[in-house]
N, C-alpha and C. Protein backbone atom coordinates (compact mmCIF):
# COMPACT_ATOMS: atom_id res chain seq x y z
N MET A 1 0.83 -1.17 0.00
CA MET A 1 0.00 0.00 0.00
C MET A 1 0.89 1.25 0.00
N ASN A 2 0.64 2.15 -0.90
CA ASN A 2 1.42 3.38 -0.99
C ASN A 2 0.84 4.45 -0.08
N HIS A 3 1.69 5.03 0.72
CA HIS A 3 1.29 6.14 1.58
C HIS A 3 2.09 7.36 1.17
N HIS A 4 1.43 8.41 0.87
CA HIS A 4 2.12 9.65 0.50
C HIS A 4 2.11 10.58 1.69
N VAL A 5 3.27 11.09 1.97
CA VAL A 5 3.43 12.02 3.08
C VAL A 5 3.71 13.39 2.49
N ALA A 6 2.96 14.36 2.90
CA ALA A 6 3.19 15.73 2.45
C ALA A 6 4.34 16.32 3.24
N ILE A 7 5.38 16.71 2.54
CA ILE A 7 6.54 17.33 3.17
C ILE A 7 6.51 18.81 2.81
N PRO A 8 6.39 19.67 3.80
CA PRO A 8 6.32 21.11 3.49
C PRO A 8 7.60 21.59 2.81
N ALA A 9 7.44 22.51 1.88
CA ALA A 9 8.58 23.05 1.14
C ALA A 9 9.64 23.63 2.05
N SER A 10 9.22 24.15 3.20
CA SER A 10 10.20 24.74 4.12
C SER A 10 11.16 23.71 4.67
N SER A 11 10.84 22.43 4.52
CA SER A 11 11.71 21.37 5.02
C SER A 11 12.86 21.06 4.06
N TRP A 12 12.70 21.39 2.80
CA TRP A 12 13.74 21.03 1.85
C TRP A 12 14.24 22.19 1.00
N GLN A 13 13.55 23.30 0.97
CA GLN A 13 14.02 24.44 0.20
C GLN A 13 14.84 25.36 1.09
N PRO A 14 16.01 25.79 0.60
CA PRO A 14 16.82 26.69 1.42
C PRO A 14 16.17 28.05 1.56
N GLY A 15 16.25 28.60 2.74
CA GLY A 15 15.79 29.96 2.97
C GLY A 15 16.95 30.91 2.80
N THR A 16 16.68 32.16 2.61
CA THR A 16 17.73 33.15 2.49
C THR A 16 17.51 34.21 3.55
N ARG A 17 18.52 34.43 4.37
CA ARG A 17 18.39 35.47 5.37
C ARG A 17 18.42 36.83 4.70
N GLU A 18 17.84 37.82 5.35
CA GLU A 18 17.76 39.16 4.78
C GLU A 18 19.12 39.76 4.51
N ASP A 19 20.15 39.32 5.24
CA ASP A 19 21.47 39.90 5.09
C ASP A 19 22.36 39.11 4.14
N SER A 20 21.81 38.25 3.31
CA SER A 20 22.63 37.45 2.41
C SER A 20 23.10 38.29 1.22
N LEU A 21 24.06 37.76 0.50
CA LEU A 21 24.59 38.45 -0.68
C LEU A 21 23.87 38.01 -1.96
N GLU A 22 22.74 37.33 -1.82
CA GLU A 22 21.98 36.89 -3.00
C GLU A 22 21.67 38.07 -3.92
N ASN A 23 21.48 39.24 -3.36
CA ASN A 23 21.19 40.42 -4.17
C ASN A 23 22.45 41.27 -4.35
N TRP A 24 23.52 40.63 -4.75
CA TRP A 24 24.81 41.28 -4.88
C TRP A 24 24.79 42.46 -5.87
N ARG A 25 23.92 42.42 -6.86
CA ARG A 25 23.87 43.50 -7.86
C ARG A 25 23.45 44.83 -7.26
N ALA A 26 22.73 44.79 -6.15
CA ALA A 26 22.21 46.02 -5.53
C ALA A 26 23.20 46.66 -4.56
N LEU A 27 24.35 46.05 -4.35
CA LEU A 27 25.33 46.63 -3.41
C LEU A 27 25.84 47.97 -3.94
N PRO A 28 26.14 48.90 -3.05
CA PRO A 28 26.63 50.23 -3.47
C PRO A 28 28.14 50.21 -3.76
N PHE A 29 28.52 49.61 -4.86
CA PHE A 29 29.94 49.44 -5.19
C PHE A 29 30.69 50.77 -5.27
N GLU A 30 29.98 51.83 -5.65
CA GLU A 30 30.63 53.14 -5.76
C GLU A 30 31.09 53.66 -4.40
N GLU A 31 30.60 53.09 -3.30
CA GLU A 31 30.98 53.54 -1.97
C GLU A 31 32.26 52.87 -1.46
N ALA A 32 32.75 51.88 -2.17
CA ALA A 32 34.00 51.23 -1.76
C ALA A 32 35.18 52.16 -2.03
N GLU A 33 36.14 52.16 -1.14
CA GLU A 33 37.34 52.98 -1.31
C GLU A 33 38.10 52.57 -2.57
N ASN A 34 38.22 51.25 -2.81
CA ASN A 34 38.91 50.70 -3.98
C ASN A 34 38.09 49.58 -4.59
N THR A 35 38.26 49.39 -5.89
CA THR A 35 37.71 48.25 -6.61
C THR A 35 38.85 47.67 -7.43
N TYR A 36 39.05 46.36 -7.32
CA TYR A 36 40.11 45.71 -8.09
C TYR A 36 39.57 45.36 -9.47
N THR A 37 40.35 45.63 -10.51
CA THR A 37 39.97 45.32 -11.89
C THR A 37 41.01 44.40 -12.51
N HIS A 38 40.53 43.37 -13.16
CA HIS A 38 41.39 42.39 -13.82
C HIS A 38 40.76 42.08 -15.17
N THR A 39 41.55 42.04 -16.23
CA THR A 39 41.04 41.75 -17.57
C THR A 39 41.55 40.40 -18.03
N LEU A 40 40.67 39.63 -18.68
CA LEU A 40 41.06 38.34 -19.23
C LEU A 40 40.44 38.20 -20.61
N GLU A 41 40.85 37.17 -21.32
CA GLU A 41 40.34 36.94 -22.66
C GLU A 41 39.86 35.50 -22.76
N THR A 42 38.73 35.30 -23.43
CA THR A 42 38.22 33.95 -23.63
C THR A 42 38.88 33.34 -24.87
N TRP A 43 38.98 32.01 -24.87
CA TRP A 43 39.62 31.28 -25.96
C TRP A 43 38.70 30.15 -26.43
N LEU A 44 39.05 29.51 -27.52
CA LEU A 44 38.26 28.38 -28.03
C LEU A 44 38.13 27.29 -26.97
N LYS A 45 39.19 27.03 -26.23
CA LYS A 45 39.18 25.98 -25.20
C LYS A 45 38.15 26.26 -24.10
N ASP A 46 37.70 27.50 -23.99
CA ASP A 46 36.74 27.89 -22.97
C ASP A 46 35.29 27.67 -23.40
N SER A 47 35.09 27.20 -24.64
CA SER A 47 33.73 27.15 -25.16
C SER A 47 33.31 25.75 -25.62
N ASN A 48 32.00 25.59 -25.81
CA ASN A 48 31.44 24.33 -26.29
C ASN A 48 31.26 24.38 -27.82
N ALA A 49 30.57 23.40 -28.38
CA ALA A 49 30.37 23.33 -29.83
C ALA A 49 29.57 24.50 -30.38
N TYR A 50 28.80 25.17 -29.52
CA TYR A 50 28.02 26.34 -29.96
C TYR A 50 28.78 27.64 -29.74
N ALA A 51 30.01 27.51 -29.30
CA ALA A 51 30.90 28.65 -29.02
C ALA A 51 30.45 29.46 -27.82
N ASN A 52 29.63 28.89 -26.93
CA ASN A 52 29.29 29.53 -25.66
C ASN A 52 30.35 29.15 -24.64
N THR A 53 30.72 30.08 -23.82
CA THR A 53 31.70 29.81 -22.78
C THR A 53 31.11 28.84 -21.76
N TYR A 54 31.89 27.84 -21.40
CA TYR A 54 31.46 26.88 -20.38
C TYR A 54 31.18 27.61 -19.07
N PHE A 55 30.10 27.21 -18.39
CA PHE A 55 29.73 27.84 -17.13
C PHE A 55 30.85 27.72 -16.10
N SER A 56 31.56 26.62 -16.08
CA SER A 56 32.64 26.42 -15.09
C SER A 56 33.74 27.46 -15.22
N ARG A 57 33.91 28.02 -16.40
CA ARG A 57 34.95 29.04 -16.60
C ARG A 57 34.70 30.28 -15.74
N TYR A 58 33.42 30.59 -15.49
CA TYR A 58 33.11 31.76 -14.68
C TYR A 58 33.66 31.59 -13.26
N PHE A 59 33.63 30.36 -12.74
CA PHE A 59 34.23 30.09 -11.44
C PHE A 59 35.75 30.18 -11.51
N GLU A 60 36.31 29.71 -12.62
CA GLU A 60 37.76 29.85 -12.81
C GLU A 60 38.15 31.32 -12.85
N TRP A 61 37.34 32.14 -13.51
CA TRP A 61 37.63 33.57 -13.57
C TRP A 61 37.61 34.18 -12.17
N GLN A 62 36.65 33.75 -11.33
CA GLN A 62 36.64 34.25 -9.95
C GLN A 62 37.96 33.93 -9.27
N GLY A 63 38.43 32.70 -9.44
CA GLY A 63 39.69 32.30 -8.83
C GLY A 63 40.88 33.09 -9.36
N MET A 64 40.91 33.31 -10.65
CA MET A 64 42.01 34.07 -11.25
C MET A 64 42.03 35.50 -10.72
N CYS A 65 40.86 36.12 -10.68
CA CYS A 65 40.77 37.50 -10.20
C CYS A 65 41.15 37.58 -8.73
N ARG A 66 40.64 36.64 -7.93
CA ARG A 66 40.94 36.60 -6.50
C ARG A 66 42.44 36.46 -6.26
N GLU A 67 43.09 35.52 -6.96
CA GLU A 67 44.52 35.30 -6.77
C GLU A 67 45.34 36.49 -7.23
N SER A 68 44.97 37.10 -8.34
CA SER A 68 45.68 38.27 -8.83
C SER A 68 45.58 39.41 -7.82
N TRP A 69 44.37 39.66 -7.30
CA TRP A 69 44.16 40.71 -6.30
C TRP A 69 44.98 40.44 -5.05
N PHE A 70 44.93 39.22 -4.57
CA PHE A 70 45.63 38.92 -3.33
C PHE A 70 47.14 39.10 -3.52
N PHE A 71 47.68 38.59 -4.64
CA PHE A 71 49.11 38.69 -4.90
C PHE A 71 49.55 40.15 -5.10
N LYS A 72 48.80 40.92 -5.87
CA LYS A 72 49.20 42.29 -6.21
C LYS A 72 48.85 43.32 -5.14
N CYS A 73 47.77 43.10 -4.40
CA CYS A 73 47.26 44.14 -3.51
C CYS A 73 47.30 43.81 -2.02
N ILE A 74 47.33 42.55 -1.67
CA ILE A 74 47.20 42.18 -0.26
C ILE A 74 48.49 41.60 0.30
N SER A 75 48.98 40.51 -0.26
CA SER A 75 50.19 39.87 0.25
C SER A 75 50.76 38.94 -0.81
N ALA A 76 51.90 39.33 -1.38
CA ALA A 76 52.50 38.55 -2.46
C ALA A 76 52.87 37.13 -2.03
N ASP A 77 53.13 36.93 -0.74
CA ASP A 77 53.48 35.57 -0.28
C ASP A 77 52.25 34.74 0.06
N MET A 78 51.05 35.32 -0.12
CA MET A 78 49.77 34.64 0.12
C MET A 78 49.66 34.12 1.56
N LEU A 79 50.45 34.70 2.49
CA LEU A 79 50.44 34.33 3.91
C LEU A 79 50.73 32.85 4.12
N GLN A 80 51.51 32.24 3.22
CA GLN A 80 51.79 30.81 3.30
C GLN A 80 52.47 30.40 4.60
N ASP A 81 53.27 31.28 5.18
CA ASP A 81 53.96 30.93 6.42
C ASP A 81 53.02 30.97 7.63
N GLN A 82 51.82 31.57 7.47
CA GLN A 82 50.89 31.70 8.60
C GLN A 82 49.67 30.79 8.50
N GLY A 83 49.30 30.39 7.30
CA GLY A 83 48.12 29.57 7.16
C GLY A 83 47.66 29.43 5.73
N VAL A 84 46.38 29.12 5.59
CA VAL A 84 45.81 28.87 4.27
C VAL A 84 44.46 29.58 4.14
N PHE A 85 44.10 29.88 2.92
CA PHE A 85 42.79 30.43 2.63
C PHE A 85 41.91 29.31 2.10
N ILE A 86 40.73 29.21 2.65
CA ILE A 86 39.79 28.16 2.26
C ILE A 86 38.55 28.83 1.68
N THR A 87 38.14 28.40 0.49
CA THR A 87 36.90 28.90 -0.08
C THR A 87 35.77 28.09 0.51
N LYS A 88 34.97 28.73 1.34
CA LYS A 88 33.87 28.05 2.04
C LYS A 88 32.61 28.00 1.18
N LEU A 89 32.42 29.03 0.36
CA LEU A 89 31.20 29.15 -0.43
C LEU A 89 31.54 29.87 -1.73
N ALA A 90 30.97 29.40 -2.82
CA ALA A 90 31.14 30.08 -4.11
C ALA A 90 29.80 30.09 -4.83
N HIS A 91 29.46 31.24 -5.38
CA HIS A 91 28.18 31.41 -6.07
C HIS A 91 28.42 32.25 -7.32
N ASN A 92 27.75 31.88 -8.41
CA ASN A 92 27.86 32.65 -9.64
C ASN A 92 26.51 32.72 -10.32
N ASP A 93 26.16 33.91 -10.79
CA ASP A 93 24.95 34.10 -11.59
C ASP A 93 25.37 34.37 -13.02
N TYR A 94 24.93 33.52 -13.92
CA TYR A 94 25.16 33.70 -15.34
C TYR A 94 24.16 34.74 -15.83
N VAL A 95 24.62 35.77 -16.53
CA VAL A 95 23.74 36.86 -16.96
C VAL A 95 23.63 36.92 -18.48
N ASN A 96 24.76 36.91 -19.18
CA ASN A 96 24.78 36.98 -20.64
C ASN A 96 25.86 36.06 -21.18
N GLU A 97 25.68 35.62 -22.41
CA GLU A 97 26.66 34.73 -23.04
C GLU A 97 27.97 35.46 -23.32
N THR A 98 29.03 34.68 -23.31
CA THR A 98 30.33 35.16 -23.80
C THR A 98 30.82 34.14 -24.83
N PHE A 99 31.73 34.59 -25.67
CA PHE A 99 32.21 33.78 -26.78
C PHE A 99 33.73 33.89 -26.87
N PRO A 100 34.37 32.98 -27.60
CA PRO A 100 35.83 33.04 -27.73
C PRO A 100 36.31 34.38 -28.28
N PHE A 101 37.45 34.78 -27.79
CA PHE A 101 38.19 35.97 -28.21
C PHE A 101 37.58 37.28 -27.72
N GLN A 102 36.69 37.21 -26.75
CA GLN A 102 36.18 38.42 -26.13
C GLN A 102 37.04 38.77 -24.92
N LYS A 103 37.22 40.04 -24.70
CA LYS A 103 37.89 40.50 -23.50
C LYS A 103 36.83 40.68 -22.42
N ILE A 104 37.14 40.18 -21.23
CA ILE A 104 36.23 40.25 -20.10
C ILE A 104 36.92 41.05 -18.99
N ARG A 105 36.21 42.05 -18.46
CA ARG A 105 36.74 42.87 -17.37
C ARG A 105 36.06 42.44 -16.07
N CYS A 106 36.86 42.08 -15.11
CA CYS A 106 36.33 41.72 -13.80
C CYS A 106 36.52 42.89 -12.85
N GLU A 107 35.48 43.21 -12.10
CA GLU A 107 35.58 44.16 -11.00
C GLU A 107 35.27 43.38 -9.73
N MET A 108 36.10 43.55 -8.71
CA MET A 108 35.97 42.77 -7.50
C MET A 108 36.09 43.65 -6.27
N ASN A 109 35.23 43.38 -5.29
CA ASN A 109 35.27 44.06 -3.99
C ASN A 109 35.17 43.04 -2.89
N ALA A 110 35.55 43.44 -1.69
CA ALA A 110 35.34 42.63 -0.50
C ALA A 110 34.01 43.05 0.13
N ALA A 111 33.47 42.18 0.97
CA ALA A 111 32.23 42.49 1.70
C ALA A 111 32.23 41.68 2.99
N CYS A 112 31.52 42.17 3.99
CA CYS A 112 31.34 41.45 5.26
C CYS A 112 32.67 40.96 5.82
N VAL A 113 33.64 41.86 5.91
CA VAL A 113 34.98 41.49 6.39
C VAL A 113 34.92 41.27 7.91
N LYS A 114 35.33 40.10 8.34
CA LYS A 114 35.38 39.73 9.76
C LYS A 114 36.84 39.45 10.13
N GLN A 115 37.08 39.04 11.35
CA GLN A 115 38.45 38.78 11.82
C GLN A 115 39.12 37.61 11.11
N ALA A 116 38.34 36.60 10.69
CA ALA A 116 38.92 35.41 10.09
C ALA A 116 38.30 35.05 8.74
N SER A 117 37.37 35.88 8.26
CA SER A 117 36.73 35.57 6.99
C SER A 117 36.26 36.85 6.30
N PHE A 118 35.98 36.71 5.03
CA PHE A 118 35.46 37.82 4.24
C PHE A 118 34.84 37.25 2.98
N TYR A 119 34.02 38.06 2.34
CA TYR A 119 33.44 37.71 1.05
C TYR A 119 34.13 38.52 -0.02
N LEU A 120 34.22 37.96 -1.20
CA LEU A 120 34.63 38.68 -2.39
C LEU A 120 33.44 38.69 -3.34
N VAL A 121 33.14 39.85 -3.89
CA VAL A 121 32.01 40.01 -4.80
C VAL A 121 32.57 40.35 -6.17
N PHE A 122 32.18 39.55 -7.17
CA PHE A 122 32.72 39.68 -8.53
C PHE A 122 31.64 40.16 -9.49
N ARG A 123 32.04 41.04 -10.41
CA ARG A 123 31.21 41.43 -11.54
C ARG A 123 32.06 41.31 -12.79
N PHE A 124 31.56 40.54 -13.77
CA PHE A 124 32.28 40.35 -15.04
C PHE A 124 31.51 41.05 -16.15
N TYR A 125 32.24 41.85 -16.91
CA TYR A 125 31.64 42.65 -17.99
C TYR A 125 32.31 42.34 -19.31
N ASN A 126 31.55 42.42 -20.40
CA ASN A 126 32.13 42.40 -21.73
C ASN A 126 32.91 43.71 -21.82
N ALA A 127 34.22 43.63 -21.98
CA ALA A 127 35.06 44.84 -21.95
C ALA A 127 34.75 45.79 -23.10
N GLU A 128 34.24 45.27 -24.21
CA GLU A 128 33.94 46.11 -25.36
C GLU A 128 32.60 46.82 -25.22
N THR A 129 31.58 46.10 -24.77
CA THR A 129 30.23 46.69 -24.72
C THR A 129 29.86 47.22 -23.33
N GLY A 130 30.56 46.74 -22.30
CA GLY A 130 30.23 47.12 -20.93
C GLY A 130 29.07 46.34 -20.34
N ASP A 131 28.51 45.37 -21.09
CA ASP A 131 27.39 44.57 -20.60
C ASP A 131 27.85 43.62 -19.51
N LEU A 132 27.05 43.51 -18.46
CA LEU A 132 27.32 42.54 -17.40
C LEU A 132 27.10 41.14 -17.97
N VAL A 133 28.07 40.25 -17.80
CA VAL A 133 27.92 38.89 -18.30
C VAL A 133 27.79 37.88 -17.17
N SER A 134 28.29 38.24 -15.98
CA SER A 134 28.25 37.31 -14.87
C SER A 134 28.61 38.03 -13.59
N GLY A 135 28.24 37.43 -12.48
CA GLY A 135 28.64 37.98 -11.19
C GLY A 135 28.34 37.00 -10.09
N GLY A 136 28.94 37.24 -8.96
CA GLY A 136 28.70 36.35 -7.83
C GLY A 136 29.62 36.68 -6.68
N TYR A 137 29.84 35.70 -5.83
CA TYR A 137 30.63 35.95 -4.63
C TYR A 137 31.24 34.66 -4.11
N GLN A 138 32.24 34.82 -3.26
CA GLN A 138 32.87 33.71 -2.56
C GLN A 138 33.06 34.11 -1.11
N GLN A 139 32.92 33.14 -0.22
CA GLN A 139 33.29 33.37 1.18
C GLN A 139 34.64 32.71 1.38
N ILE A 140 35.59 33.48 1.89
CA ILE A 140 36.95 33.01 2.14
C ILE A 140 37.18 32.99 3.64
N VAL A 141 37.73 31.89 4.13
CA VAL A 141 38.04 31.72 5.55
C VAL A 141 39.54 31.49 5.67
N PHE A 142 40.16 32.13 6.66
CA PHE A 142 41.59 31.93 6.91
C PHE A 142 41.75 30.89 8.02
N ALA A 143 42.67 29.95 7.82
CA ALA A 143 42.93 28.91 8.82
C ALA A 143 44.42 28.73 9.00
N ASN A 144 44.82 28.27 10.19
CA ASN A 144 46.24 28.00 10.42
C ASN A 144 46.62 26.69 9.72
N HIS A 145 47.86 26.28 9.86
CA HIS A 145 48.31 25.08 9.16
C HIS A 145 47.68 23.79 9.70
N GLN A 146 47.06 23.86 10.85
CA GLN A 146 46.33 22.72 11.40
C GLN A 146 44.87 22.74 10.95
N ARG A 147 44.53 23.66 10.06
CA ARG A 147 43.20 23.83 9.49
C ARG A 147 42.17 24.31 10.51
N ARG A 148 42.63 25.04 11.52
CA ARG A 148 41.72 25.66 12.49
C ARG A 148 41.56 27.13 12.09
N ILE A 149 40.32 27.60 12.10
CA ILE A 149 40.06 28.99 11.73
C ILE A 149 40.88 29.91 12.61
N SER A 150 41.54 30.88 11.98
CA SER A 150 42.44 31.80 12.68
C SER A 150 42.17 33.23 12.25
N ARG A 151 42.52 34.15 13.12
CA ARG A 151 42.40 35.57 12.79
C ARG A 151 43.43 35.96 11.73
N LEU A 152 43.00 36.81 10.85
CA LEU A 152 43.92 37.39 9.89
C LEU A 152 44.75 38.46 10.59
N PRO A 153 46.00 38.66 10.17
CA PRO A 153 46.79 39.75 10.75
C PRO A 153 46.09 41.10 10.53
N ALA A 154 46.19 41.99 11.50
CA ALA A 154 45.52 43.29 11.44
C ALA A 154 45.92 44.07 10.18
N SER A 155 47.18 44.00 9.79
CA SER A 155 47.63 44.73 8.61
C SER A 155 46.97 44.20 7.33
N ILE A 156 46.71 42.90 7.29
CA ILE A 156 46.04 42.30 6.14
C ILE A 156 44.57 42.69 6.12
N LEU A 157 43.92 42.65 7.29
CA LEU A 157 42.53 43.08 7.38
C LEU A 157 42.35 44.52 6.91
N GLU A 158 43.28 45.35 7.27
CA GLU A 158 43.22 46.76 6.85
C GLU A 158 43.27 46.88 5.33
N LYS A 159 44.14 46.10 4.69
CA LYS A 159 44.24 46.13 3.23
C LYS A 159 42.96 45.60 2.58
N ILE A 160 42.40 44.52 3.13
CA ILE A 160 41.17 43.94 2.58
C ILE A 160 40.02 44.94 2.72
N ARG A 161 39.94 45.59 3.88
CA ARG A 161 38.84 46.54 4.12
C ARG A 161 38.88 47.73 3.17
N ALA A 162 40.03 48.02 2.59
CA ALA A 162 40.13 49.11 1.62
C ALA A 162 39.32 48.80 0.35
N TYR A 163 38.95 47.53 0.16
CA TYR A 163 38.16 47.11 -1.01
C TYR A 163 36.71 46.77 -0.62
N GLU A 164 36.35 47.01 0.64
CA GLU A 164 35.05 46.58 1.15
C GLU A 164 33.93 47.49 0.67
N VAL A 165 32.86 46.86 0.23
CA VAL A 165 31.64 47.56 -0.14
C VAL A 165 30.66 47.39 1.02
N PRO A 166 29.99 48.47 1.44
CA PRO A 166 29.05 48.33 2.55
C PRO A 166 27.85 47.46 2.17
N THR A 167 27.44 46.60 3.10
CA THR A 167 26.28 45.74 2.84
C THR A 167 25.11 46.07 3.74
N GLY A 168 25.37 46.78 4.82
CA GLY A 168 24.31 47.05 5.77
C GLY A 168 24.01 45.86 6.66
N ALA A 169 24.78 44.77 6.49
CA ALA A 169 24.55 43.55 7.28
C ALA A 169 25.23 43.69 8.63
N SER A 170 24.52 43.30 9.67
CA SER A 170 25.10 43.35 11.01
C SER A 170 25.76 42.04 11.39
N VAL A 171 25.41 40.96 10.71
CA VAL A 171 26.03 39.67 10.95
C VAL A 171 26.41 39.06 9.61
N GLU A 172 27.26 38.05 9.67
CA GLU A 172 27.76 37.43 8.46
C GLU A 172 26.63 36.76 7.68
N PRO A 173 26.54 36.97 6.35
CA PRO A 173 25.48 36.38 5.58
C PRO A 173 25.70 34.88 5.39
N VAL A 174 24.63 34.13 5.48
CA VAL A 174 24.68 32.69 5.27
C VAL A 174 23.37 32.24 4.67
N ARG A 175 23.39 31.09 4.04
CA ARG A 175 22.16 30.44 3.59
C ARG A 175 21.77 29.48 4.69
N VAL A 176 20.51 29.43 5.00
CA VAL A 176 20.06 28.58 6.09
C VAL A 176 19.00 27.62 5.60
N MET A 177 18.93 26.47 6.22
CA MET A 177 17.87 25.51 5.96
C MET A 177 16.89 25.61 7.11
N GLU A 178 15.64 25.77 6.81
CA GLU A 178 14.64 25.82 7.87
C GLU A 178 14.45 24.41 8.42
N ALA A 179 14.25 24.32 9.69
CA ALA A 179 14.07 23.02 10.34
C ALA A 179 12.75 22.39 9.91
N ALA A 180 12.77 21.08 9.78
CA ALA A 180 11.53 20.35 9.47
C ALA A 180 10.60 20.43 10.67
N ARG A 181 9.34 20.51 10.41
CA ARG A 181 8.38 20.63 11.51
C ARG A 181 7.78 19.31 11.85
């Protein structure tokens, strides 16, 4: 005998707290002291048979921009003697197609900077037209060599905060699952 149990959507659908970065496009980027810009170019290897850029490349672009910013603006040694950076969360919204041989301009800011973690918010634009093609964010956590979350050095936090865009959030943004009732 088949018995169907009604499971409320709140039991399996993720909720979004009001302070999340889901609405990253609405952040006041012009209020940040600095914005990091990095330019890249798409190639045939980045695309499928229809010449659309693979979605996974957008995450690779986030990593390239993040590493370039950290090396050039924050700490060239990547704090290797003190610990490691762990990407706890990565999110990307695909907005418009890109194709091989296009130049893509990335603009990146920090957000929700805490003692041991921060978010990076990415916006990717077609460098020729200025159209937004993609955007998203990553949560980065700093840990010591034993993989325990650790405070970032004050001098590093100061450099990161120079790229921070205000979010109006009083606590760190997270996605939450509502408890089953």
